[in-house]
Every structure is written in structure tokens, then in C-alpha cells.
């Protein structure tokens, strides 16, 4: 059976617990700060941004970044951009999640750098974030095309899915870019079944 649901900390308690000696308590406090009302939003974002930059535990920094994602905290873009260079992949991944949710185009360069990250999970998240931030359809398509050549099949799969979501641009209604259709056709023979399925969907939508 499930135990009783713990109540969410109020703002002052959550800020206090961001300084707790136990990392789990600090991470829980970060999650609770994301649930604060609009009245304390700016204070909560400031506290999360500071912990994202200064906490010595990766799980806490990740929780802070994810809370900022949940809050679509455009006020924290600078801290999140810095976190895309964190030494821990999990933190870089959550920072990219937040930047994708916020959609500020100033984060585009950092996201493009993350497309070449050594960690597949980070590249995966960068692929998701990029078309949500990039307003240049050709630039976004070019990046997604390159991602379909990634060594990790999961990254290739999400690149195809994001290309489907991106479409063909304003002049092509909802069709997928012709270059992506050509690439998807080649990927029908990929070793990974999820890649094959995503490629088949794009080819079917193209009617070619």
C-alpha cells in the first residue's frame, strides 16, 4: 500500500532545505520550489538558479534545472546556458530540457554545441530542444539531418520524430522537408526497428 502523501513545502521551508546537508532533501526542496504560486515565482527561480550554479551534487543541480523547465523560467536562461557545460551529463541534459521548454533563441548556439556532446542522452535532448528554439527552418532541418547520422539509434529515432514535427516549412504546409524524406528513405534499412518505423512514417507522409 502507498503511504500518506507528503505535503509540498512552503516557500521558506523549501529555500531553507536547499541548504540541507543531505542531497536528497535539497533535490526534493528544488522540486517543491517549482510548485510555488505566481506570488513567489521570481524568488523561487532565483533560488533555483543559484543552487543550479553552486550545489556540489549533480542530482540537486539536475532537479533545479528540471524545476526551471517546469516553470518555463526564461529569467534563468543565463544559469541554464552555463549548466549546458556542467561536468555531469545528467545536469547538461536537464538544462537542455529547460531551454527547450523556454524556447529562447539565445540558447540556440549552446544547443547546437550539445548536439556533439559525448553523452548520447545529452545529444538526444539537444535534438528535441533545437527545433523548439530555432526559428530558421533550413538551419533546424540541417541539424536534424546531421543527427540522423548519429552513432546512437535512439538519437537517430528522435531526430526523425522531430523532423516530422517540424514539417516542411511555411511554404510546404505540413509536409516533411524533401531532404529529410530522402534521408528517411535510406533509413528504412536501418538495423534498429524504431528508426525504421520513424523513417517509414516520414516516407508515408510524403506520398513518395
C-alpha atoms as a PDB file:
ATOM      1  CA  UNK A   1       0.000   0.000   0.000  1.00  0.00           C
ATOM      2  CA  UNK A   2       1.041   3.571  -0.568  1.00  0.00           C
ATOM      3  CA  UNK A   3       1.981   5.708   2.358  1.00  0.00           C
ATOM      4  CA  UNK A   4       0.426   9.092   3.046  1.00  0.00           C
ATOM      5  CA  UNK A   5       1.201  11.806   0.511  1.00  0.00           C
ATOM      6  CA  UNK A   6       3.722  14.277   1.837  1.00  0.00           C
ATOM      7  CA  UNK A   7       2.672  17.916   1.603  1.00  0.00           C
ATOM      8  CA  UNK A   8       4.637  20.341  -0.537  1.00  0.00           C
ATOM      9  CA  UNK A   9       6.981  22.584   1.427  1.00  0.00           C
ATOM     10  CA  UNK A  10       6.008  26.229   1.612  1.00  0.00           C
ATOM     11  CA  UNK A  11       8.452  28.682   0.080  1.00  0.00           C
ATOM     12  CA  UNK A  12      10.517  29.497   3.157  1.00  0.00           C
ATOM     13  CA  UNK A  13      10.891  25.827   4.093  1.00  0.00           C
ATOM     14  CA  UNK A  14      11.901  24.882   0.549  1.00  0.00           C
ATOM     15  CA  UNK A  15      14.552  27.624   0.426  1.00  0.00           C
ATOM     16  CA  UNK A  16      15.808  26.547   3.837  1.00  0.00           C
ATOM     17  CA  UNK A  17      16.063  22.927   2.714  1.00  0.00           C
ATOM     18  CA  UNK A  18      18.051  23.894  -0.379  1.00  0.00           C
ATOM     19  CA  UNK A  19      20.872  24.250   2.138  1.00  0.00           C
ATOM     20  CA  UNK A  20      20.281  20.918   3.896  1.00  0.00           C
ATOM     21  CA  UNK A  21      23.272  18.617   4.408  1.00  0.00           C
ATOM     22  CA  UNK A  22      21.542  15.726   2.571  1.00  0.00           C
ATOM     23  CA  UNK A  23      21.429  15.928  -1.204  1.00  0.00           C
ATOM     24  CA  UNK A  24      18.082  14.123  -1.409  1.00  0.00           C
ATOM     25  CA  UNK A  25      16.463  16.726   0.813  1.00  0.00           C
ATOM     26  CA  UNK A  26      17.921  19.523  -1.305  1.00  0.00           C
ATOM     27  CA  UNK A  27      16.658  17.880  -4.516  1.00  0.00           C
ATOM     28  CA  UNK A  28      13.178  17.446  -3.034  1.00  0.00           C
ATOM     29  CA  UNK A  29      13.206  21.089  -1.983  1.00  0.00           C
ATOM     30  CA  UNK A  30      14.103  22.107  -5.531  1.00  0.00           C
ATOM     31  CA  UNK A  31      11.126  20.171  -6.854  1.00  0.00           C
ATOM     32  CA  UNK A  32       8.843  21.818  -4.309  1.00  0.00           C
ATOM     33  CA  UNK A  33      10.003  25.271  -5.375  1.00  0.00           C
ATOM     34  CA  UNK A  34       8.644  24.565  -8.852  1.00  0.00           C
ATOM     35  CA  UNK A  35       5.189  24.257  -7.290  1.00  0.00           C
ATOM     36  CA  UNK A  36       5.151  27.724  -5.751  1.00  0.00           C
ATOM     37  CA  UNK A  37       2.433  30.102  -6.819  1.00  0.00           C
ATOM     38  CA  UNK A  38       2.937  33.125  -9.035  1.00  0.00           C
ATOM     39  CA  UNK A  39       3.363  35.320  -5.976  1.00  0.00           C
ATOM     40  CA  UNK A  40       6.749  33.755  -5.178  1.00  0.00           C
ATOM     41  CA  UNK A  41       7.730  32.764  -8.700  1.00  0.00           C
ATOM     42  CA  UNK A  42      10.613  35.208  -9.129  1.00  0.00           C
ATOM     43  CA  UNK A  43      12.071  34.354  -5.713  1.00  0.00           C
ATOM     44  CA  UNK A  44      11.759  30.627  -6.419  1.00  0.00           C
ATOM     45  CA  UNK A  45      13.507  30.988  -9.775  1.00  0.00           C
ATOM     46  CA  UNK A  46      16.314  32.985  -8.200  1.00  0.00           C
ATOM     47  CA  UNK A  47      16.840  30.324  -5.523  1.00  0.00           C
ATOM     48  CA  UNK A  48      16.808  27.518  -8.071  1.00  0.00           C
ATOM     49  CA  UNK A  49      19.216  29.351 -10.359  1.00  0.00           C
ATOM     50  CA  UNK A  50      21.665  29.888  -7.531  1.00  0.00           C
ATOM     51  CA  UNK A  51      21.507  26.234  -6.467  1.00  0.00           C
ATOM     52  CA  UNK A  52      21.910  25.139 -10.083  1.00  0.00           C
ATOM     53  CA  UNK A  53      25.176  27.047 -10.259  1.00  0.00           C
ATOM     54  CA  UNK A  54      26.559  26.311  -6.793  1.00  0.00           C
ATOM     55  CA  UNK A  55      25.343  22.964  -5.426  1.00  0.00           C
ATOM     56  CA  UNK A  56      28.066  20.305  -5.406  1.00  0.00           C
ATOM     57  CA  UNK A  57      25.706  17.364  -6.043  1.00  0.00           C
ATOM     58  CA  UNK A  58      24.654  16.542  -9.606  1.00  0.00           C
ATOM     59  CA  UNK A  59      21.253  15.180  -8.564  1.00  0.00           C
ATOM     60  CA  UNK A  60      20.421  18.509  -6.940  1.00  0.00           C
ATOM     61  CA  UNK A  61      21.613  20.530  -9.925  1.00  0.00           C
ATOM     62  CA  UNK A  62      19.547  18.273 -12.204  1.00  0.00           C
ATOM     63  CA  UNK A  63      16.472  18.760 -10.010  1.00  0.00           C
ATOM     64  CA  UNK A  64      16.963  22.527 -10.130  1.00  0.00           C
ATOM     65  CA  UNK A  65      17.199  22.525 -13.924  1.00  0.00           C
ATOM     66  CA  UNK A  66      14.112  20.340 -14.241  1.00  0.00           C
ATOM     67  CA  UNK A  67      12.165  22.620 -11.891  1.00  0.00           C
ATOM     68  CA  UNK A  68      13.167  25.588 -14.017  1.00  0.00           C
ATOM     69  CA  UNK A  69      11.906  23.637 -17.046  1.00  0.00           C
ATOM     70  CA  UNK A  70       8.576  23.032 -15.313  1.00  0.00           C
ATOM     71  CA  UNK A  71       8.326  26.761 -14.621  1.00  0.00           C
ATOM     72  CA  UNK A  72       9.367  27.786 -18.176  1.00  0.00           C
ATOM     73  CA  UNK A  73      11.713  30.112 -16.349  1.00  0.00           C
ATOM     74  CA  UNK A  74      13.025  32.455 -19.020  1.00  0.00           C
ATOM     75  CA  UNK A  75      14.547  34.516 -16.220  1.00  0.00           C
ATOM     76  CA  UNK A  76      17.044  31.671 -15.659  1.00  0.00           C
ATOM     77  CA  UNK A  77      18.332  31.279 -19.230  1.00  0.00           C
ATOM     78  CA  UNK A  78      21.827  32.501 -18.310  1.00  0.00           C
ATOM     79  CA  UNK A  79      22.178  29.940 -15.496  1.00  0.00           C
ATOM     80  CA  UNK A  80      20.804  27.188 -17.721  1.00  0.00           C
ATOM     81  CA  UNK A  81      23.220  28.049 -20.529  1.00  0.00           C
ATOM     82  CA  UNK A  82      26.068  27.717 -18.065  1.00  0.00           C
ATOM     83  CA  UNK A  83      24.650  24.366 -16.943  1.00  0.00           C
ATOM     84  CA  UNK A  84      24.849  23.009 -20.515  1.00  0.00           C
ATOM     85  CA  UNK A  85      28.606  22.911 -19.835  1.00  0.00           C
ATOM     86  CA  UNK A  86      28.260  21.105 -16.484  1.00  0.00           C
ATOM     87  CA  UNK A  87      30.700  18.242 -15.864  1.00  0.00           C
ATOM     88  CA  UNK A  88      27.797  15.818 -15.337  1.00  0.00           C
ATOM     89  CA  UNK A  89      25.758  14.629 -18.311  1.00  0.00           C
ATOM     90  CA  UNK A  90      22.537  14.442 -16.296  1.00  0.00           C
ATOM     91  CA  UNK A  91      22.757  18.149 -15.497  1.00  0.00           C
ATOM     92  CA  UNK A  92      23.527  19.077 -19.105  1.00  0.00           C
ATOM     93  CA  UNK A  93      20.540  17.014 -20.200  1.00  0.00           C
ATOM     94  CA  UNK A  94      18.115  18.701 -17.797  1.00  0.00           C
ATOM     95  CA  UNK A  95      19.450  22.148 -18.683  1.00  0.00           C
ATOM     96  CA  UNK A  96      18.701  21.412 -22.339  1.00  0.00           C
ATOM     97  CA  UNK A  97      15.233  20.207 -21.357  1.00  0.00           C
ATOM     98  CA  UNK A  98      14.604  23.556 -19.691  1.00  0.00           C
ATOM     99  CA  UNK A  99      15.970  25.568 -22.603  1.00  0.00           C
ATOM    100  CA  UNK A 100      13.749  23.656 -24.997  1.00  0.00           C
ATOM    101  CA  UNK A 101      10.701  24.353 -22.830  1.00  0.00           C
ATOM    102  CA  UNK A 102      11.565  28.050 -22.576  1.00  0.00           C
ATOM    103  CA  UNK A 103      12.237  28.403 -26.301  1.00  0.00           C
ATOM    104  CA  UNK A 104      14.563  31.410 -26.081  1.00  0.00           C
ATOM    105  CA  UNK A 105      16.501  31.681 -29.343  1.00  0.00           C
ATOM    106  CA  UNK A 106      19.569  32.969 -27.474  1.00  0.00           C
ATOM    107  CA  UNK A 107      20.152  29.361 -26.409  1.00  0.00           C
ATOM    108  CA  UNK A 108      20.453  28.072 -29.990  1.00  0.00           C
ATOM    109  CA  UNK A 109      24.249  28.087 -30.146  1.00  0.00           C
ATOM    110  CA  UNK A 110      24.577  26.152 -26.881  1.00  0.00           C
ATOM    111  CA  UNK A 111      22.049  23.601 -28.118  1.00  0.00           C
ATOM    112  CA  UNK A 112      23.953  23.166 -31.383  1.00  0.00           C
ATOM    113  CA  UNK A 113      27.138  22.553 -29.397  1.00  0.00           C
ATOM    114  CA  UNK A 114      25.275  19.953 -27.319  1.00  0.00           C
ATOM    115  CA  UNK A 115      24.362  18.054 -30.496  1.00  0.00           C
ATOM    116  CA  UNK A 116      28.014  16.943 -30.485  1.00  0.00           C
ATOM    117  CA  UNK A 117      28.150  16.083 -26.770  1.00  0.00           C
ATOM    118  CA  UNK A 118      29.956  12.866 -25.838  1.00  0.00           C
ATOM    119  CA  UNK A 119      26.869  11.585 -23.975  1.00  0.00           C
ATOM    120  CA  UNK A 120      24.044  10.174 -26.136  1.00  0.00           C
ATOM    121  CA  UNK A 121      21.412  11.284 -23.607  1.00  0.00           C
ATOM    122  CA  UNK A 122      22.585  14.871 -23.943  1.00  0.00           C
ATOM    123  CA  UNK A 123      22.549  14.702 -27.745  1.00  0.00           C
ATOM    124  CA  UNK A 124      19.049  13.220 -27.538  1.00  0.00           C
ATOM    125  CA  UNK A 125      17.803  16.168 -25.506  1.00  0.00           C
ATOM    126  CA  UNK A 126      19.563  18.663 -27.746  1.00  0.00           C
ATOM    127  CA  UNK A 127      17.757  17.198 -30.758  1.00  0.00           C
ATOM    128  CA  UNK A 128      14.426  17.742 -29.008  1.00  0.00           C
ATOM    129  CA  UNK A 129      15.297  21.275 -27.934  1.00  0.00           C
ATOM    130  CA  UNK A 130      16.708  22.576 -31.201  1.00  0.00           C
ATOM    131  CA  UNK A 131      13.566  22.837 -33.370  1.00  0.00           C
ATOM    132  CA  UNK A 132      11.704  24.387 -30.427  1.00  0.00           C
ATOM    133  CA  UNK A 133      14.283  27.172 -30.262  1.00  0.00           C
ATOM    134  CA  UNK A 134      15.432  27.641 -33.858  1.00  0.00           C
ATOM    135  CA  UNK A 135      13.215  29.875 -35.993  1.00  0.00           C
ATOM    136  CA  UNK A 136      15.243  29.225 -39.158  1.00  0.00           C
ATOM    137  CA  UNK A 137      13.623  26.173 -40.738  1.00  0.00           C
ATOM    138  CA  UNK A 138      16.559  25.356 -43.011  1.00  0.00           C
ATOM    139  CA  UNK A 139      19.025  25.575 -40.126  1.00  0.00           C
ATOM    140  CA  UNK A 140      16.871  23.325 -37.971  1.00  0.00           C
ATOM    141  CA  UNK A 141      16.445  20.796 -40.763  1.00  0.00           C
ATOM    142  CA  UNK A 142      20.179  20.747 -41.453  1.00  0.00           C
ATOM    143  CA  UNK A 143      20.885  19.992 -37.783  1.00  0.00           C
ATOM    144  CA  UNK A 144      18.273  17.230 -37.688  1.00  0.00           C
ATOM    145  CA  UNK A 145      19.644  15.700 -40.873  1.00  0.00           C
ATOM    146  CA  UNK A 146      23.071  15.550 -39.267  1.00  0.00           C
ATOM    147  CA  UNK A 147      21.555  13.958 -36.160  1.00  0.00           C
ATOM    148  CA  UNK A 148      20.115  11.146 -38.294  1.00  0.00           C
ATOM    149  CA  UNK A 149      23.740  10.066 -38.794  1.00  0.00           C
ATOM    150  CA  UNK A 150      24.406   9.753 -35.068  1.00  0.00           C
ATOM    151  CA  UNK A 151      26.049   6.553 -33.803  1.00  0.00           C
ATOM    152  CA  UNK A 152      23.210   6.084 -31.296  1.00  0.00           C
ATOM    153  CA  UNK A 153      19.962   4.713 -32.734  1.00  0.00           C
ATOM    154  CA  UNK A 154      17.857   6.475 -30.090  1.00  0.00           C
ATOM    155  CA  UNK A 155      19.248   9.814 -31.231  1.00  0.00           C
ATOM    156  CA  UNK A 156      18.554   8.938 -34.857  1.00  0.00           C
ATOM    157  CA  UNK A 157      14.997   7.980 -33.964  1.00  0.00           C
ATOM    158  CA  UNK A 158      14.262  11.226 -32.134  1.00  0.00           C
ATOM    159  CA  UNK A 159      15.813  13.252 -34.959  1.00  0.00           C
ATOM    160  CA  UNK A 160      13.313  11.685 -37.363  1.00  0.00           C
ATOM    161  CA  UNK A 161      10.444  12.310 -34.956  1.00  0.00           C
ATOM    162  CA  UNK A 162      11.415  15.949 -34.519  1.00  0.00           C
ATOM    163  CA  UNK A 163      11.734  16.358 -38.286  1.00  0.00           C
ATOM    164  CA  UNK A 164       8.192  15.047 -38.619  1.00  0.00           C
ATOM    165  CA  UNK A 165       7.044  17.576 -36.012  1.00  0.00           C
ATOM    166  CA  UNK A 166       8.965  20.377 -37.722  1.00  0.00           C
ATOM    167  CA  UNK A 167       7.360  19.773 -41.097  1.00  0.00           C
ATOM    168  CA  UNK A 168       8.488  21.300 -44.355  1.00  0.00           C
ATOM    169  CA  UNK A 169       8.279  24.986 -43.553  1.00  0.00           C
ATOM    170  CA  UNK A 170       5.712  27.681 -44.231  1.00  0.00           C
ATOM    171  CA  UNK A 171       5.649  27.088 -47.962  1.00  0.00           C
ATOM    172  CA  UNK A 172       5.070  23.350 -47.755  1.00  0.00           C
ATOM    173  CA  UNK A 173       2.139  23.060 -45.369  1.00  0.00           C
ATOM    174  CA  UNK A 174       2.764  20.091 -43.054  1.00  0.00           C
ATOM    175  CA  UNK A 175       4.935  18.050 -45.406  1.00  0.00           C
ATOM    176  CA  UNK A 176       8.374  16.985 -44.242  1.00  0.00           C
ATOM    177  CA  UNK A 177      11.339  18.623 -45.945  1.00  0.00           C
ATOM    178  CA  UNK A 178      12.348  16.780 -49.137  1.00  0.00           C
ATOM    179  CA  UNK A 179      15.902  16.328 -47.878  1.00  0.00           C
ATOM    180  CA  UNK A 180      14.597  14.579 -44.794  1.00  0.00           C
ATOM    181  CA  UNK A 181      12.322  12.376 -46.904  1.00  0.00           C
ATOM    182  CA  UNK A 182      15.346  11.277 -48.948  1.00  0.00           C
ATOM    183  CA  UNK A 183      17.290  10.556 -45.774  1.00  0.00           C
ATOM    184  CA  UNK A 184      14.351   8.669 -44.227  1.00  0.00           C
ATOM    185  CA  UNK A 185      14.102   6.507 -47.341  1.00  0.00           C
ATOM    186  CA  UNK A 186      17.692   5.390 -46.809  1.00  0.00           C
ATOM    187  CA  UNK A 187      16.987   4.699 -43.147  1.00  0.00           C
ATOM    188  CA  UNK A 188      14.257   2.195 -43.986  1.00  0.00           C
ATOM    189  CA  UNK A 189      17.053  -0.375 -43.965  1.00  0.00           C
ATOM    190  CA  UNK A 190      18.461   0.687 -40.592  1.00  0.00           C
ATOM    191  CA  UNK A 191      19.334  -2.044 -38.084  1.00  0.00           C
ATOM    192  CA  UNK A 192      17.112  -0.531 -35.378  1.00  0.00           C
ATOM    193  CA  UNK A 193      13.356  -1.168 -35.636  1.00  0.00           C
ATOM    194  CA  UNK A 194      12.375   2.135 -34.008  1.00  0.00           C
ATOM    195  CA  UNK A 195      14.399   4.017 -36.613  1.00  0.00           C
ATOM    196  CA  UNK A 196      12.752   2.024 -39.399  1.00  0.00           C
ATOM    197  CA  UNK A 197       9.288   2.869 -38.083  1.00  0.00           C
ATOM    198  CA  UNK A 198      10.036   6.593 -37.722  1.00  0.00           C
ATOM    199  CA  UNK A 199      11.547   6.650 -41.212  1.00  0.00           C
ATOM    200  CA  UNK A 200       8.551   4.816 -42.673  1.00  0.00           C
ATOM    201  CA  UNK A 201       6.163   7.373 -41.175  1.00  0.00           C
ATOM    202  CA  UNK A 202       8.035  10.234 -42.823  1.00  0.00           C
ATOM    203  CA  UNK A 203       8.149   8.480 -46.188  1.00  0.00           C
ATOM    204  CA  UNK A 204       4.444   7.627 -45.986  1.00  0.00           C
ATOM    205  CA  UNK A 205       3.536  11.221 -45.161  1.00  0.00           C
ATOM    206  CA  UNK A 206       5.474  12.420 -48.177  1.00  0.00           C
ATOM    207  CA  UNK A 207       3.430  10.279 -50.537  1.00  0.00           C
ATOM    208  CA  UNK A 208       6.577   9.271 -52.406  1.00  0.00           C
END
